[in-house]
Amino acid sequence: MPAKVPFNPEKIRNQKRTIGVIAIALLLLFTVIAFLGWISFIVWVLADLVVAAVANLLLRRVGRSPI
């Protein structure tokens, strides 16, 4: 039987907040770069989708509480 990991909601909340801040910063960065014309509309949409998907997967993984 695996060892029981102590459940710390404050640590999980901080990890989720960090993931969210990084994701929002990347989305804003890609938006500014797209408005400046350095990347095309398609690349901007794809980059935003990738950031959102990765952030979603990380948030789900962090949110799982140990049994």
N, C-alpha and C. Protein backbone atom coordinates (compact mmCIF):
# COMPACT_ATOMS: atom_id res chain seq x y z
N MET A 1 0.84 -1.17 0.00
CA MET A 1 0.00 0.00 0.00
C MET A 1 0.89 1.24 0.00
N PRO A 2 0.62 2.22 -0.90
CA PRO A 2 1.48 3.41 -0.95
C PRO A 2 1.33 4.26 0.30
N ALA A 3 2.39 4.99 0.57
CA ALA A 3 2.39 5.88 1.74
C ALA A 3 1.39 7.01 1.52
N LYS A 4 0.72 7.41 2.57
CA LYS A 4 -0.28 8.46 2.48
C LYS A 4 0.42 9.82 2.50
N VAL A 5 0.08 10.64 1.52
CA VAL A 5 0.67 11.96 1.39
C VAL A 5 -0.20 12.94 2.17
N PRO A 6 0.39 13.80 2.99
CA PRO A 6 -0.43 14.77 3.72
C PRO A 6 -1.09 15.76 2.76
N PHE A 7 -2.34 16.05 2.99
CA PHE A 7 -3.12 16.95 2.15
C PHE A 7 -2.96 18.37 2.66
N ASN A 8 -2.43 19.24 1.82
CA ASN A 8 -2.20 20.63 2.20
C ASN A 8 -2.93 21.54 1.21
N PRO A 9 -4.13 22.01 1.56
CA PRO A 9 -4.90 22.83 0.62
C PRO A 9 -4.24 24.17 0.27
N GLU A 10 -3.47 24.72 1.17
CA GLU A 10 -2.80 26.00 0.90
C GLU A 10 -1.75 25.83 -0.20
N LYS A 11 -1.01 24.73 -0.16
CA LYS A 11 0.01 24.48 -1.18
C LYS A 11 -0.66 24.27 -2.55
N ILE A 12 -1.77 23.54 -2.57
CA ILE A 12 -2.49 23.30 -3.83
C ILE A 12 -3.03 24.61 -4.37
N ARG A 13 -3.58 25.45 -3.50
CA ARG A 13 -4.11 26.75 -3.93
C ARG A 13 -3.00 27.62 -4.52
N ASN A 14 -1.84 27.61 -3.91
CA ASN A 14 -0.71 28.40 -4.42
C ASN A 14 -0.23 27.88 -5.77
N GLN A 15 -0.19 26.56 -5.93
CA GLN A 15 0.22 25.98 -7.20
C GLN A 15 -0.78 26.34 -8.31
N LYS A 16 -2.07 26.28 -8.00
CA LYS A 16 -3.09 26.64 -8.98
C LYS A 16 -2.99 28.11 -9.35
N ARG A 17 -2.75 28.95 -8.37
CA ARG A 17 -2.62 30.39 -8.63
C ARG A 17 -1.41 30.65 -9.52
N THR A 18 -0.30 29.97 -9.27
CA THR A 18 0.90 30.14 -10.08
C THR A 18 0.66 29.70 -11.52
N ILE A 19 0.00 28.57 -11.70
CA ILE A 19 -0.31 28.08 -13.04
C ILE A 19 -1.21 29.08 -13.76
N GLY A 20 -2.19 29.61 -13.06
CA GLY A 20 -3.10 30.58 -13.66
C GLY A 20 -2.41 31.87 -14.06
N VAL A 21 -1.53 32.37 -13.21
CA VAL A 21 -0.81 33.61 -13.51
C VAL A 21 0.10 33.42 -14.72
N ILE A 22 0.79 32.30 -14.78
CA ILE A 22 1.68 32.03 -15.92
C ILE A 22 0.87 31.90 -17.20
N ALA A 23 -0.27 31.21 -17.15
CA ALA A 23 -1.10 31.03 -18.34
C ALA A 23 -1.63 32.38 -18.82
N ILE A 24 -2.10 33.21 -17.92
CA ILE A 24 -2.63 34.52 -18.31
C ILE A 24 -1.51 35.40 -18.89
N ALA A 25 -0.34 35.34 -18.29
CA ALA A 25 0.79 36.12 -18.80
C ALA A 25 1.15 35.68 -20.23
N LEU A 26 1.16 34.38 -20.47
CA LEU A 26 1.47 33.89 -21.82
C LEU A 26 0.40 34.29 -22.82
N LEU A 27 -0.87 34.20 -22.41
CA LEU A 27 -1.95 34.61 -23.31
C LEU A 27 -1.84 36.09 -23.66
N LEU A 28 -1.54 36.93 -22.67
CA LEU A 28 -1.38 38.36 -22.94
C LEU A 28 -0.16 38.62 -23.82
N LEU A 29 0.92 37.89 -23.57
CA LEU A 29 2.13 38.05 -24.38
C LEU A 29 1.85 37.70 -25.85
N PHE A 30 1.18 36.58 -26.08
CA PHE A 30 0.86 36.18 -27.46
C PHE A 30 -0.09 37.18 -28.11
N THR A 31 -1.00 37.75 -27.34
CA THR A 31 -1.94 38.73 -27.88
C THR A 31 -1.21 40.01 -28.29
N VAL A 32 -0.30 40.48 -27.45
CA VAL A 32 0.47 41.68 -27.79
C VAL A 32 1.33 41.44 -29.01
N ILE A 33 1.98 40.28 -29.06
CA ILE A 33 2.82 39.95 -30.22
C ILE A 33 1.98 39.88 -31.49
N ALA A 34 0.76 39.35 -31.38
CA ALA A 34 -0.11 39.27 -32.56
C ALA A 34 -0.56 40.65 -33.00
N PHE A 35 -0.89 41.53 -32.06
CA PHE A 35 -1.32 42.88 -32.42
C PHE A 35 -0.18 43.70 -33.03
N LEU A 36 1.04 43.41 -32.63
CA LEU A 36 2.19 44.09 -33.22
C LEU A 36 2.52 43.54 -34.61
N GLY A 37 1.92 42.42 -34.97
CA GLY A 37 2.11 41.88 -36.30
C GLY A 37 3.28 40.94 -36.44
N TRP A 38 3.87 40.52 -35.32
CA TRP A 38 5.02 39.63 -35.39
C TRP A 38 4.62 38.19 -35.67
N ILE A 39 3.40 37.81 -35.31
CA ILE A 39 2.91 36.46 -35.63
C ILE A 39 1.55 36.60 -36.31
N SER A 40 1.20 35.61 -37.10
CA SER A 40 -0.07 35.66 -37.83
C SER A 40 -1.23 35.27 -36.92
N PHE A 41 -2.43 35.50 -37.44
CA PHE A 41 -3.64 35.21 -36.68
C PHE A 41 -3.74 33.72 -36.36
N ILE A 42 -3.42 32.87 -37.30
CA ILE A 42 -3.51 31.42 -37.09
C ILE A 42 -2.54 30.96 -36.01
N VAL A 43 -1.32 31.46 -36.05
CA VAL A 43 -0.32 31.11 -35.03
C VAL A 43 -0.78 31.59 -33.67
N TRP A 44 -1.36 32.79 -33.61
CA TRP A 44 -1.86 33.34 -32.35
C TRP A 44 -2.96 32.47 -31.77
N VAL A 45 -3.90 32.07 -32.60
CA VAL A 45 -5.00 31.21 -32.13
C VAL A 45 -4.46 29.86 -31.65
N LEU A 46 -3.56 29.27 -32.42
CA LEU A 46 -2.99 27.98 -32.03
C LEU A 46 -2.19 28.09 -30.73
N ALA A 47 -1.42 29.14 -30.58
CA ALA A 47 -0.64 29.33 -29.35
C ALA A 47 -1.57 29.50 -28.15
N ASP A 48 -2.64 30.28 -28.32
CA ASP A 48 -3.59 30.46 -27.22
C ASP A 48 -4.28 29.15 -26.86
N LEU A 49 -4.64 28.37 -27.86
CA LEU A 49 -5.27 27.07 -27.58
C LEU A 49 -4.33 26.12 -26.86
N VAL A 50 -3.08 26.12 -27.25
CA VAL A 50 -2.10 25.24 -26.60
C VAL A 50 -1.89 25.66 -25.15
N VAL A 51 -1.75 26.96 -24.91
CA VAL A 51 -1.56 27.45 -23.54
C VAL A 51 -2.77 27.10 -22.68
N ALA A 52 -3.97 27.31 -23.21
CA ALA A 52 -5.18 27.02 -22.45
C ALA A 52 -5.30 25.52 -22.15
N ALA A 53 -4.97 24.68 -23.13
CA ALA A 53 -5.07 23.24 -22.93
C ALA A 53 -4.06 22.75 -21.90
N VAL A 54 -2.83 23.22 -21.99
CA VAL A 54 -1.80 22.79 -21.04
C VAL A 54 -2.14 23.28 -19.63
N ALA A 55 -2.60 24.51 -19.52
CA ALA A 55 -2.98 25.03 -18.20
C ALA A 55 -4.14 24.23 -17.62
N ASN A 56 -5.11 23.89 -18.45
CA ASN A 56 -6.24 23.09 -18.00
C ASN A 56 -5.79 21.73 -17.50
N LEU A 57 -4.92 21.08 -18.24
CA LEU A 57 -4.42 19.76 -17.82
C LEU A 57 -3.64 19.86 -16.51
N LEU A 58 -2.81 20.89 -16.38
CA LEU A 58 -2.03 21.06 -15.15
C LEU A 58 -2.94 21.35 -13.96
N LEU A 59 -3.95 22.20 -14.17
CA LEU A 59 -4.87 22.51 -13.07
C LEU A 59 -5.65 21.28 -12.63
N ARG A 60 -6.03 20.45 -13.58
CA ARG A 60 -6.74 19.22 -13.22
C ARG A 60 -5.84 18.27 -12.45
N ARG A 61 -4.59 18.18 -12.88
CA ARG A 61 -3.64 17.27 -12.23
C ARG A 61 -3.33 17.74 -10.80
N VAL A 62 -3.13 19.04 -10.63
CA VAL A 62 -2.83 19.58 -9.31
C VAL A 62 -4.05 19.47 -8.41
N GLY A 63 -5.24 19.61 -8.99
CA GLY A 63 -6.46 19.61 -8.20
C GLY A 63 -6.85 18.26 -7.63
N ARG A 64 -6.27 17.21 -8.13
CA ARG A 64 -6.59 15.89 -7.59
C ARG A 64 -6.04 15.75 -6.18
N SER A 65 -6.93 15.47 -5.27
CA SER A 65 -6.47 15.31 -3.88
C SER A 65 -6.13 13.85 -3.62
N PRO A 66 -5.11 13.60 -2.84
CA PRO A 66 -4.75 12.22 -2.52
C PRO A 66 -5.82 11.55 -1.68
N ILE A 67 -5.96 10.28 -1.89
CA ILE A 67 -6.99 9.51 -1.16
C ILE A 67 -6.41 8.96 0.13
